[in-house]
Amino acid sequence: ALARDGLVPGGAYRNRAYLGAQVWFDPSLPLEVTDLLFD
């Protein structure tokens, strides 16, 4: 619920920036779910 409201730590954004190109996501997945996978 908090991730859905945009409360995501900076470390998750750093992980996404580095790993994003290595990961394929089902387009139906909401952003808050993918944020928690980088959390």
PDB file of all heavy atoms in Angstrom:
ATOM      1  N   ALA A   1       0.829  -1.212   0.000  1.00  0.00           N
ATOM      2  CA  ALA A   1       0.000   0.000   0.000  1.00  0.00           C
ATOM      3  C   ALA A   1       0.860   1.257   0.000  1.00  0.00           C
ATOM      4  O   ALA A   1       0.569   2.228  -0.720  1.00  0.00           O
ATOM      5  CB  ALA A   1      -0.930  -0.012   1.214  1.00  0.00           C
ATOM      6  N   LEU A   2       1.939   1.255   0.782  1.00  0.00           N
ATOM      7  CA  LEU A   2       2.823   2.416   0.834  1.00  0.00           C
ATOM      8  C   LEU A   2       3.544   2.628  -0.492  1.00  0.00           C
ATOM      9  O   LEU A   2       3.708   3.760  -0.953  1.00  0.00           O
ATOM     10  CB  LEU A   2       3.832   2.246   1.965  1.00  0.00           C
ATOM     11  CG  LEU A   2       3.272   2.359   3.388  1.00  0.00           C
ATOM     12  CD1 LEU A   2       4.274   1.818   4.400  1.00  0.00           C
ATOM     13  CD2 LEU A   2       2.908   3.804   3.713  1.00  0.00           C
ATOM     14  N   ALA A   3       3.984   1.535  -1.112  1.00  0.00           N
ATOM     15  CA  ALA A   3       4.640   1.651  -2.416  1.00  0.00           C
ATOM     16  C   ALA A   3       3.660   2.192  -3.455  1.00  0.00           C
ATOM     17  O   ALA A   3       4.046   2.967  -4.339  1.00  0.00           O
ATOM     18  CB  ALA A   3       5.194   0.297  -2.852  1.00  0.00           C
ATOM     19  N   ARG A   4       2.404   1.796  -3.343  1.00  0.00           N
ATOM     20  CA  ARG A   4       1.382   2.314  -4.260  1.00  0.00           C
ATOM     21  C   ARG A   4       1.241   3.829  -4.123  1.00  0.00           C
ATOM     22  O   ARG A   4       0.959   4.530  -5.088  1.00  0.00           O
ATOM     23  CB  ARG A   4       0.043   1.629  -3.972  1.00  0.00           C
ATOM     24  CG  ARG A   4      -1.049   1.932  -4.987  1.00  0.00           C
ATOM     25  CD  ARG A   4      -2.320   1.169  -4.670  1.00  0.00           C
ATOM     26  NE  ARG A   4      -2.101  -0.264  -4.719  1.00  0.00           N
ATOM     27  CZ  ARG A   4      -2.288  -1.095  -3.696  1.00  0.00           C
ATOM     28  NH1 ARG A   4      -2.669  -0.621  -2.518  1.00  0.00           N
ATOM     29  NH2 ARG A   4      -2.081  -2.384  -3.840  1.00  0.00           N
ATOM     30  N   ASP A   5       1.483   4.330  -2.914  1.00  0.00           N
ATOM     31  CA  ASP A   5       1.425   5.770  -2.667  1.00  0.00           C
ATOM     32  C   ASP A   5       2.740   6.480  -2.993  1.00  0.00           C
ATOM     33  O   ASP A   5       2.864   7.693  -2.773  1.00  0.00           O
ATOM     34  CB  ASP A   5       1.065   6.034  -1.200  1.00  0.00           C
ATOM     35  CG  ASP A   5      -0.357   5.605  -0.863  1.00  0.00           C
ATOM     36  OD1 ASP A   5      -1.188   5.539  -1.794  1.00  0.00           O
ATOM     37  OD2 ASP A   5      -0.634   5.342   0.321  1.00  0.00           O
ATOM     38  N   GLY A   6       3.731   5.711  -3.478  1.00  0.00           N
ATOM     39  CA  GLY A   6       4.991   6.322  -3.893  1.00  0.00           C
ATOM     40  C   GLY A   6       6.063   6.383  -2.841  1.00  0.00           C
ATOM     41  O   GLY A   6       7.115   6.999  -3.069  1.00  0.00           O
ATOM     42  N   LEU A   7       5.838   5.742  -1.688  1.00  0.00           N
ATOM     43  CA  LEU A   7       6.848   5.772  -0.623  1.00  0.00           C
ATOM     44  C   LEU A   7       7.828   4.620  -0.840  1.00  0.00           C
ATOM     45  O   LEU A   7       7.656   3.522  -0.307  1.00  0.00           O
ATOM     46  CB  LEU A   7       6.184   5.659   0.749  1.00  0.00           C
ATOM     47  CG  LEU A   7       7.104   5.952   1.938  1.00  0.00           C
ATOM     48  CD1 LEU A   7       7.503   7.418   1.945  1.00  0.00           C
ATOM     49  CD2 LEU A   7       6.433   5.608   3.253  1.00  0.00           C
ATOM     50  N   VAL A   8       8.860   4.877  -1.625  1.00  0.00           N
ATOM     51  CA  VAL A   8       9.833   3.851  -2.017  1.00  0.00           C
ATOM     52  C   VAL A   8      11.227   4.365  -1.661  1.00  0.00           C
ATOM     53  O   VAL A   8      11.558   5.518  -1.961  1.00  0.00           O
ATOM     54  CB  VAL A   8       9.736   3.553  -3.525  1.00  0.00           C
ATOM     55  CG1 VAL A   8      10.782   2.533  -3.951  1.00  0.00           C
ATOM     56  CG2 VAL A   8       8.332   3.060  -3.876  1.00  0.00           C
ATOM     57  N   PRO A   9      12.065   3.550  -1.013  1.00  0.00           N
ATOM     58  CA  PRO A   9      13.404   4.016  -0.627  1.00  0.00           C
ATOM     59  C   PRO A   9      14.309   4.234  -1.830  1.00  0.00           C
ATOM     60  O   PRO A   9      14.131   3.621  -2.890  1.00  0.00           O
ATOM     61  CB  PRO A   9      13.933   2.887   0.262  1.00  0.00           C
ATOM     62  CG  PRO A   9      13.187   1.678  -0.174  1.00  0.00           C
ATOM     63  CD  PRO A   9      11.826   2.164  -0.566  1.00  0.00           C
ATOM     64  N   GLY A  10      15.308   5.092  -1.640  1.00  0.00           N
ATOM     65  CA  GLY A  10      16.233   5.397  -2.720  1.00  0.00           C
ATOM     66  C   GLY A  10      16.972   4.176  -3.229  1.00  0.00           C
ATOM     67  O   GLY A  10      17.294   4.092  -4.421  1.00  0.00           O
ATOM     68  N   GLY A  11      17.250   3.210  -2.341  1.00  0.00           N
ATOM     69  CA  GLY A  11      17.953   2.004  -2.758  1.00  0.00           C
ATOM     70  C   GLY A  11      17.201   1.220  -3.809  1.00  0.00           C
ATOM     71  O   GLY A  11      17.809   0.575  -4.684  1.00  0.00           O
ATOM     72  N   ALA A  12      15.864   1.259  -3.763  1.00  0.00           N
ATOM     73  CA  ALA A  12      15.068   0.554  -4.770  1.00  0.00           C
ATOM     74  C   ALA A  12      15.252   1.196  -6.144  1.00  0.00           C
ATOM     75  O   ALA A  12      15.321   0.501  -7.163  1.00  0.00           O
ATOM     76  CB  ALA A  12      13.592   0.566  -4.367  1.00  0.00           C
ATOM     77  N   TYR A  13      15.333   2.521  -6.177  1.00  0.00           N
ATOM     78  CA  TYR A  13      15.551   3.207  -7.453  1.00  0.00           C
ATOM     79  C   TYR A  13      16.950   2.916  -7.993  1.00  0.00           C
ATOM     80  O   TYR A  13      17.135   2.762  -9.218  1.00  0.00           O
ATOM     81  CB  TYR A  13      15.343   4.708  -7.275  1.00  0.00           C
ATOM     82  CG  TYR A  13      13.909   5.087  -6.968  1.00  0.00           C
ATOM     83  CD1 TYR A  13      13.566   5.648  -5.745  1.00  0.00           C
ATOM     84  CD2 TYR A  13      12.897   4.868  -7.910  1.00  0.00           C
ATOM     85  CE1 TYR A  13      12.258   5.994  -5.460  1.00  0.00           C
ATOM     86  CE2 TYR A  13      11.579   5.203  -7.630  1.00  0.00           C
ATOM     87  CZ  TYR A  13      11.266   5.771  -6.402  1.00  0.00           C
ATOM     88  OH  TYR A  13       9.961   6.098  -6.135  1.00  0.00           O
ATOM     89  N   ARG A  14      17.941   2.834  -7.118  1.00  0.00           N
ATOM     90  CA  ARG A  14      19.302   2.499  -7.570  1.00  0.00           C
ATOM     91  C   ARG A  14      19.330   1.083  -8.128  1.00  0.00           C
ATOM     92  O   ARG A  14      19.964   0.816  -9.157  1.00  0.00           O
ATOM     93  CB  ARG A  14      20.297   2.641  -6.421  1.00  0.00           C
ATOM     94  CG  ARG A  14      20.552   4.073  -5.995  1.00  0.00           C
ATOM     95  CD  ARG A  14      21.783   4.192  -5.110  1.00  0.00           C
ATOM     96  NE  ARG A  14      21.647   3.472  -3.845  1.00  0.00           N
ATOM     97  CZ  ARG A  14      21.097   3.997  -2.755  1.00  0.00           C
ATOM     98  NH1 ARG A  14      20.643   5.238  -2.773  1.00  0.00           N
ATOM     99  NH2 ARG A  14      21.022   3.289  -1.638  1.00  0.00           N
ATOM    100  N   ASN A  15      18.646   0.162  -7.449  1.00  0.00           N
ATOM    101  CA  ASN A  15      18.588  -1.213  -7.945  1.00  0.00           C
ATOM    102  C   ASN A  15      17.888  -1.281  -9.303  1.00  0.00           C
ATOM    103  O   ASN A  15      18.334  -1.987 -10.212  1.00  0.00           O
ATOM    104  CB  ASN A  15      17.858  -2.107  -6.937  1.00  0.00           C
ATOM    105  CG  ASN A  15      18.666  -2.372  -5.682  1.00  0.00           C
ATOM    106  OD1 ASN A  15      19.894  -2.227  -5.672  1.00  0.00           O
ATOM    107  ND2 ASN A  15      18.005  -2.752  -4.605  1.00  0.00           N
ATOM    108  N   ARG A  16      16.794  -0.535  -9.441  1.00  0.00           N
ATOM    109  CA  ARG A  16      16.069  -0.533 -10.718  1.00  0.00           C
ATOM    110  C   ARG A  16      16.933   0.043 -11.836  1.00  0.00           C
ATOM    111  O   ARG A  16      16.959  -0.485 -12.959  1.00  0.00           O
ATOM    112  CB  ARG A  16      14.760   0.240 -10.585  1.00  0.00           C
ATOM    113  CG  ARG A  16      13.896   0.198 -11.847  1.00  0.00           C
ATOM    114  CD  ARG A  16      12.684   1.096 -11.720  1.00  0.00           C
ATOM    115  NE  ARG A  16      11.652   0.548 -10.866  1.00  0.00           N
ATOM    116  CZ  ARG A  16      10.663  -0.258 -11.281  1.00  0.00           C
ATOM    117  NH1 ARG A  16      10.615  -0.629 -12.558  1.00  0.00           N
ATOM    118  NH2 ARG A  16       9.750  -0.687 -10.439  1.00  0.00           N
ATOM    119  N   ALA A  17      17.645   1.132 -11.520  1.00  0.00           N
ATOM    120  CA  ALA A  17      18.486   1.763 -12.541  1.00  0.00           C
ATOM    121  C   ALA A  17      19.562   0.811 -13.043  1.00  0.00           C
ATOM    122  O   ALA A  17      19.891   0.800 -14.238  1.00  0.00           O
ATOM    123  CB  ALA A  17      19.110   3.035 -11.975  1.00  0.00           C
ATOM    124  N   TYR A  18      20.116  -0.002 -12.144  1.00  0.00           N
ATOM    125  CA  TYR A  18      21.188  -0.917 -12.533  1.00  0.00           C
ATOM    126  C   TYR A  18      20.652  -2.186 -13.171  1.00  0.00           C
ATOM    127  O   TYR A  18      21.201  -2.688 -14.153  1.00  0.00           O
ATOM    128  CB  TYR A  18      22.038  -1.274 -11.315  1.00  0.00           C
ATOM    129  CG  TYR A  18      23.105  -2.301 -11.614  1.00  0.00           C
ATOM    130  CD1 TYR A  18      24.213  -1.973 -12.386  1.00  0.00           C
ATOM    131  CD2 TYR A  18      23.003  -3.609 -11.136  1.00  0.00           C
ATOM    132  CE1 TYR A  18      25.196  -2.916 -12.671  1.00  0.00           C
ATOM    133  CE2 TYR A  18      23.976  -4.548 -11.420  1.00  0.00           C
ATOM    134  CZ  TYR A  18      25.059  -4.204 -12.188  1.00  0.00           C
ATOM    135  OH  TYR A  18      26.026  -5.138 -12.467  1.00  0.00           O
ATOM    136  N   LEU A  19      19.562  -2.719 -12.635  1.00  0.00           N
ATOM    137  CA  LEU A  19      19.084  -4.042 -13.029  1.00  0.00           C
ATOM    138  C   LEU A  19      17.999  -4.012 -14.088  1.00  0.00           C
ATOM    139  O   LEU A  19      17.702  -5.045 -14.698  1.00  0.00           O
ATOM    140  CB  LEU A  19      18.530  -4.784 -11.802  1.00  0.00           C
ATOM    141  CG  LEU A  19      19.517  -5.050 -10.665  1.00  0.00           C
ATOM    142  CD1 LEU A  19      18.762  -5.420  -9.395  1.00  0.00           C
ATOM    143  CD2 LEU A  19      20.474  -6.161 -11.051  1.00  0.00           C
ATOM    144  N   GLY A  20      17.405  -2.844 -14.307  1.00  0.00           N
ATOM    145  CA  GLY A  20      16.208  -2.772 -15.134  1.00  0.00           C
ATOM    146  C   GLY A  20      16.328  -3.425 -16.490  1.00  0.00           C
ATOM    147  O   GLY A  20      15.424  -4.145 -16.938  1.00  0.00           O
ATOM    148  N   ALA A  21      17.445  -3.208 -17.188  1.00  0.00           N
ATOM    149  CA  ALA A  21      17.607  -3.771 -18.529  1.00  0.00           C
ATOM    150  C   ALA A  21      17.764  -5.285 -18.510  1.00  0.00           C
ATOM    151  O   ALA A  21      17.599  -5.943 -19.546  1.00  0.00           O
ATOM    152  CB  ALA A  21      18.812  -3.130 -19.221  1.00  0.00           C
ATOM    153  N   GLN A  22      18.076  -5.852 -17.348  1.00  0.00           N
ATOM    154  CA  GLN A  22      18.268  -7.297 -17.233  1.00  0.00           C
ATOM    155  C   GLN A  22      16.965  -8.040 -16.930  1.00  0.00           C
ATOM    156  O   GLN A  22      16.948  -9.262 -16.907  1.00  0.00           O
ATOM    157  CB  GLN A  22      19.275  -7.600 -16.125  1.00  0.00           C
ATOM    158  CG  GLN A  22      20.608  -6.896 -16.269  1.00  0.00           C
ATOM    159  CD  GLN A  22      21.481  -7.075 -15.046  1.00  0.00           C
ATOM    160  OE1 GLN A  22      21.497  -8.148 -14.435  1.00  0.00           O
ATOM    161  NE2 GLN A  22      22.224  -6.045 -14.670  1.00  0.00           N
ATOM    162  N   VAL A  23      15.895  -7.270 -16.668  1.00  0.00           N
ATOM    163  CA  VAL A  23      14.640  -7.859 -16.194  1.00  0.00           C
ATOM    164  C   VAL A  23      13.512  -7.567 -17.178  1.00  0.00           C
ATOM    165  O   VAL A  23      13.359  -6.429 -17.649  1.00  0.00           O
ATOM    166  CB  VAL A  23      14.274  -7.303 -14.801  1.00  0.00           C
ATOM    167  CG1 VAL A  23      12.997  -7.967 -14.284  1.00  0.00           C
ATOM    168  CG2 VAL A  23      15.427  -7.501 -13.819  1.00  0.00           C
ATOM    169  N   TRP A  24      12.726  -8.607 -17.479  1.00  0.00           N
ATOM    170  CA  TRP A  24      11.502  -8.433 -18.255  1.00  0.00           C
ATOM    171  C   TRP A  24      10.314  -8.597 -17.316  1.00  0.00           C
ATOM    172  O   TRP A  24      10.253  -9.549 -16.530  1.00  0.00           O
ATOM    173  CB  TRP A  24      11.398  -9.467 -19.367  1.00  0.00           C
ATOM    174  CG  TRP A  24      10.112  -9.353 -20.163  1.00  0.00           C
ATOM    175  CD1 TRP A  24       9.894  -8.576 -21.258  1.00  0.00           C
ATOM    176  CD2 TRP A  24       8.874 -10.035 -19.890  1.00  0.00           C
ATOM    177  NE1 TRP A  24       8.604  -8.719 -21.698  1.00  0.00           N
ATOM    178  CE2 TRP A  24       7.945  -9.613 -20.869  1.00  0.00           C
ATOM    179  CE3 TRP A  24       8.460 -10.940 -18.921  1.00  0.00           C
ATOM    180  CZ2 TRP A  24       6.638 -10.082 -20.906  1.00  0.00           C
ATOM    181  CZ3 TRP A  24       7.157 -11.405 -18.946  1.00  0.00           C
ATOM    182  CH2 TRP A  24       6.258 -10.989 -19.934  1.00  0.00           C
ATOM    183  N   PHE A  25       9.360  -7.639 -17.392  1.00  0.00           N
ATOM    184  CA  PHE A  25       8.162  -7.693 -16.557  1.00  0.00           C
ATOM    185  C   PHE A  25       6.928  -7.939 -17.417  1.00  0.00           C
ATOM    186  O   PHE A  25       6.782  -7.347 -18.503  1.00  0.00           O
ATOM    187  CB  PHE A  25       7.953  -6.368 -15.803  1.00  0.00           C
ATOM    188  CG  PHE A  25       8.944  -6.118 -14.708  1.00  0.00           C
ATOM    189  CD1 PHE A  25       9.952  -5.182 -14.870  1.00  0.00           C
ATOM    190  CD2 PHE A  25       8.862  -6.803 -13.499  1.00  0.00           C
ATOM    191  CE1 PHE A  25      10.862  -4.933 -13.858  1.00  0.00           C
ATOM    192  CE2 PHE A  25       9.769  -6.566 -12.487  1.00  0.00           C
ATOM    193  CZ  PHE A  25      10.772  -5.631 -12.664  1.00  0.00           C
ATOM    194  N   ASP A  26       6.044  -8.761 -16.920  1.00  0.00           N
ATOM    195  CA  ASP A  26       4.709  -8.861 -17.513  1.00  0.00           C
ATOM    196  C   ASP A  26       4.100  -7.456 -17.507  1.00  0.00           C
ATOM    197  O   ASP A  26       4.048  -6.809 -16.450  1.00  0.00           O
ATOM    198  CB  ASP A  26       3.858  -9.823 -16.672  1.00  0.00           C
ATOM    199  CG  ASP A  26       2.493 -10.083 -17.279  1.00  0.00           C
ATOM    200  OD1 ASP A  26       1.850  -9.119 -17.731  1.00  0.00           O
ATOM    201  OD2 ASP A  26       2.057 -11.243 -17.273  1.00  0.00           O
ATOM    202  N   PRO A  27       3.649  -6.954 -18.653  1.00  0.00           N
ATOM    203  CA  PRO A  27       3.127  -5.581 -18.708  1.00  0.00           C
ATOM    204  C   PRO A  27       1.938  -5.332 -17.785  1.00  0.00           C
ATOM    205  O   PRO A  27       1.636  -4.170 -17.471  1.00  0.00           O
ATOM    206  CB  PRO A  27       2.725  -5.416 -20.178  1.00  0.00           C
ATOM    207  CG  PRO A  27       3.524  -6.425 -20.918  1.00  0.00           C
ATOM    208  CD  PRO A  27       3.677  -7.592 -19.979  1.00  0.00           C
ATOM    209  N   SER A  28       1.256  -6.397 -17.364  1.00  0.00           N
ATOM    210  CA  SER A  28       0.088  -6.215 -16.501  1.00  0.00           C
ATOM    211  C   SER A  28       0.452  -5.936 -15.048  1.00  0.00           C
ATOM    212  O   SER A  28      -0.417  -5.576 -14.243  1.00  0.00           O
ATOM    213  CB  SER A  28      -0.803  -7.463 -16.561  1.00  0.00           C
ATOM    214  OG  SER A  28      -0.152  -8.579 -15.949  1.00  0.00           O
ATOM    215  N   LEU A  29       1.728  -6.094 -14.681  1.00  0.00           N
ATOM    216  CA  LEU A  29       2.114  -5.924 -13.278  1.00  0.00           C
ATOM    217  C   LEU A  29       2.095  -4.451 -12.891  1.00  0.00           C
ATOM    218  O   LEU A  29       2.674  -3.607 -13.587  1.00  0.00           O
ATOM    219  CB  LEU A  29       3.514  -6.494 -13.040  1.00  0.00           C
ATOM    220  CG  LEU A  29       3.652  -8.006 -13.118  1.00  0.00           C
ATOM    221  CD1 LEU A  29       5.117  -8.404 -13.003  1.00  0.00           C
ATOM    222  CD2 LEU A  29       2.837  -8.667 -12.015  1.00  0.00           C
ATOM    223  N   PRO A  30       1.466  -4.117 -11.760  1.00  0.00           N
ATOM    224  CA  PRO A  30       1.451  -2.717 -11.317  1.00  0.00           C
ATOM    225  C   PRO A  30       2.820  -2.283 -10.815  1.00  0.00           C
ATOM    226  O   PRO A  30       3.636  -3.103 -10.377  1.00  0.00           O
ATOM    227  CB  PRO A  30       0.411  -2.701 -10.194  1.00  0.00           C
ATOM    228  CG  PRO A  30       0.356  -4.107  -9.693  1.00  0.00           C
ATOM    229  CD  PRO A  30       0.654  -4.978 -10.885  1.00  0.00           C
ATOM    230  N   LEU A  31       3.058  -0.977 -10.863  1.00  0.00           N
ATOM    231  CA  LEU A  31       4.349  -0.424 -10.482  1.00  0.00           C
ATOM    232  C   LEU A  31       4.717  -0.769  -9.048  1.00  0.00           C
ATOM    233  O   LEU A  31       5.884  -1.060  -8.754  1.00  0.00           O
ATOM    234  CB  LEU A  31       4.339   1.099 -10.662  1.00  0.00           C
ATOM    235  CG  LEU A  31       5.622   1.842 -10.281  1.00  0.00           C
ATOM    236  CD1 LEU A  31       6.801   1.379 -11.131  1.00  0.00           C
ATOM    237  CD2 LEU A  31       5.417   3.341 -10.409  1.00  0.00           C
ATOM    238  N   GLU A  32       3.748  -0.761  -8.132  1.00  0.00           N
ATOM    239  CA  GLU A  32       4.073  -1.020  -6.728  1.00  0.00           C
ATOM    240  C   GLU A  32       4.601  -2.431  -6.506  1.00  0.00           C
ATOM    241  O   GLU A  32       5.439  -2.660  -5.633  1.00  0.00           O
ATOM    242  CB  GLU A  32       2.862  -0.760  -5.821  1.00  0.00           C
ATOM    243  CG  GLU A  32       1.644  -1.627  -6.087  1.00  0.00           C
ATOM    244  CD  GLU A  32       0.662  -0.972  -7.038  1.00  0.00           C
ATOM    245  OE1 GLU A  32       1.088  -0.070  -7.810  1.00  0.00           O
ATOM    246  OE2 GLU A  32      -0.523  -1.355  -7.007  1.00  0.00           O
ATOM    247  N   VAL A  33       4.157  -3.381  -7.307  1.00  0.00           N
ATOM    248  CA  VAL A  33       4.668  -4.751  -7.187  1.00  0.00           C
ATOM    249  C   VAL A  33       6.111  -4.800  -7.674  1.00  0.00           C
ATOM    250  O   VAL A  33       6.986  -5.369  -7.006  1.00  0.00           O
ATOM    251  CB  VAL A  33       3.788  -5.735  -7.980  1.00  0.00           C
ATOM    252  CG1 VAL A  33       4.452  -7.114  -8.052  1.00  0.00           C
ATOM    253  CG2 VAL A  33       2.412  -5.851  -7.330  1.00  0.00           C
ATOM    254  N   THR A  34       6.388  -4.215  -8.811  1.00  0.00           N
ATOM    255  CA  THR A  34       7.768  -4.234  -9.310  1.00  0.00           C
ATOM    256  C   THR A  34       8.687  -3.446  -8.382  1.00  0.00           C
ATOM    257  O   THR A  34       9.850  -3.820  -8.196  1.00  0.00           O
ATOM    258  CB  THR A  34       7.845  -3.682 -10.747  1.00  0.00           C
ATOM    259  OG1 THR A  34       7.480  -2.304 -10.777  1.00  0.00           O
ATOM    260  CG2 THR A  34       6.926  -4.458 -11.674  1.00  0.00           C
ATOM    261  N   ASP A  35       8.184  -2.363  -7.773  1.00  0.00           N
ATOM    262  CA  ASP A  35       8.997  -1.618  -6.805  1.00  0.00           C
ATOM    263  C   ASP A  35       9.435  -2.508  -5.648  1.00  0.00           C
ATOM    264  O   ASP A  35      10.583  -2.432  -5.190  1.00  0.00           O
ATOM    265  CB  ASP A  35       8.222  -0.416  -6.261  1.00  0.00           C
ATOM    266  CG  ASP A  35       8.243   0.778  -7.202  1.00  0.00           C
ATOM    267  OD1 ASP A  35       9.132   0.836  -8.073  1.00  0.00           O
ATOM    268  OD2 ASP A  35       7.369   1.657  -7.069  1.00  0.00           O
ATOM    269  N   LEU A  36       8.539  -3.355  -5.162  1.00  0.00           N
ATOM    270  CA  LEU A  36       8.891  -4.223  -4.027  1.00  0.00           C
ATOM    271  C   LEU A  36       9.879  -5.314  -4.442  1.00  0.00           C
ATOM    272  O   LEU A  36      10.635  -5.806  -3.597  1.00  0.00           O
ATOM    273  CB  LEU A  36       7.643  -4.854  -3.412  1.00  0.00           C
ATOM    274  CG  LEU A  36       6.730  -3.911  -2.639  1.00  0.00           C
ATOM    275  CD1 LEU A  36       5.675  -4.694  -1.877  1.00  0.00           C
ATOM    276  CD2 LEU A  36       7.506  -3.025  -1.674  1.00  0.00           C
ATOM    277  N   LEU A  37       9.920  -5.675  -5.699  1.00  0.00           N
ATOM    278  CA  LEU A  37      10.902  -6.657  -6.149  1.00  0.00           C
ATOM    279  C   LEU A  37      12.301  -6.053  -6.210  1.00  0.00           C
ATOM    280  O   LEU A  37      13.295  -6.776  -6.140  1.00  0.00           O
ATOM    281  CB  LEU A  37      10.504  -7.227  -7.506  1.00  0.00           C
ATOM    282  CG  LEU A  37       9.133  -7.903  -7.590  1.00  0.00           C
ATOM    283  CD1 LEU A  37       8.949  -8.571  -8.939  1.00  0.00           C
ATOM    284  CD2 LEU A  37       8.930  -8.907  -6.466  1.00  0.00           C
ATOM    285  N   PHE A  38      12.377  -4.716  -6.338  1.00  0.00           N
ATOM    286  CA  PHE A  38      13.658  -4.009  -6.281  1.00  0.00           C
ATOM    287  C   PHE A  38      13.978  -3.524  -4.868  1.00  0.00           C
ATOM    288  O   PHE A  38      15.096  -3.056  -4.617  1.00  0.00           O
ATOM    289  CB  PHE A  38      13.639  -2.785  -7.201  1.00  0.00           C
ATOM    290  CG  PHE A  38      13.708  -3.099  -8.669  1.00  0.00           C
ATOM    291  CD1 PHE A  38      12.625  -2.851  -9.496  1.00  0.00           C
ATOM    292  CD2 PHE A  38      14.867  -3.616  -9.236  1.00  0.00           C
ATOM    293  CE1 PHE A  38      12.688  -3.109 -10.859  1.00  0.00           C
ATOM    294  CE2 PHE A  38      14.943  -3.879 -10.598  1.00  0.00           C
ATOM    295  CZ  PHE A  38      13.848  -3.631 -11.418  1.00  0.00           C
ATOM    296  N   ASP A  39      13.035  -3.600  -3.948  1.00  0.00           N
ATOM    297  CA  ASP A  39      13.172  -3.030  -2.608  1.00  0.00           C
ATOM    298  C   ASP A  39      14.369  -3.629  -1.868  1.00  0.00           C
ATOM    299  O   ASP A  39      14.486  -4.856  -1.752  1.00  0.00           O
ATOM    300  CB  ASP A  39      11.888  -3.317  -1.810  1.00  0.00           C
ATOM    301  CG  ASP A  39      11.847  -2.602  -0.477  1.00  0.00           C
ATOM    302  OD1 ASP A  39      12.267  -1.437  -0.408  1.00  0.00           O
ATOM    303  OD2 ASP A  39      11.386  -3.218   0.504  1.00  0.00           O
TER     304      ASP A  39
END
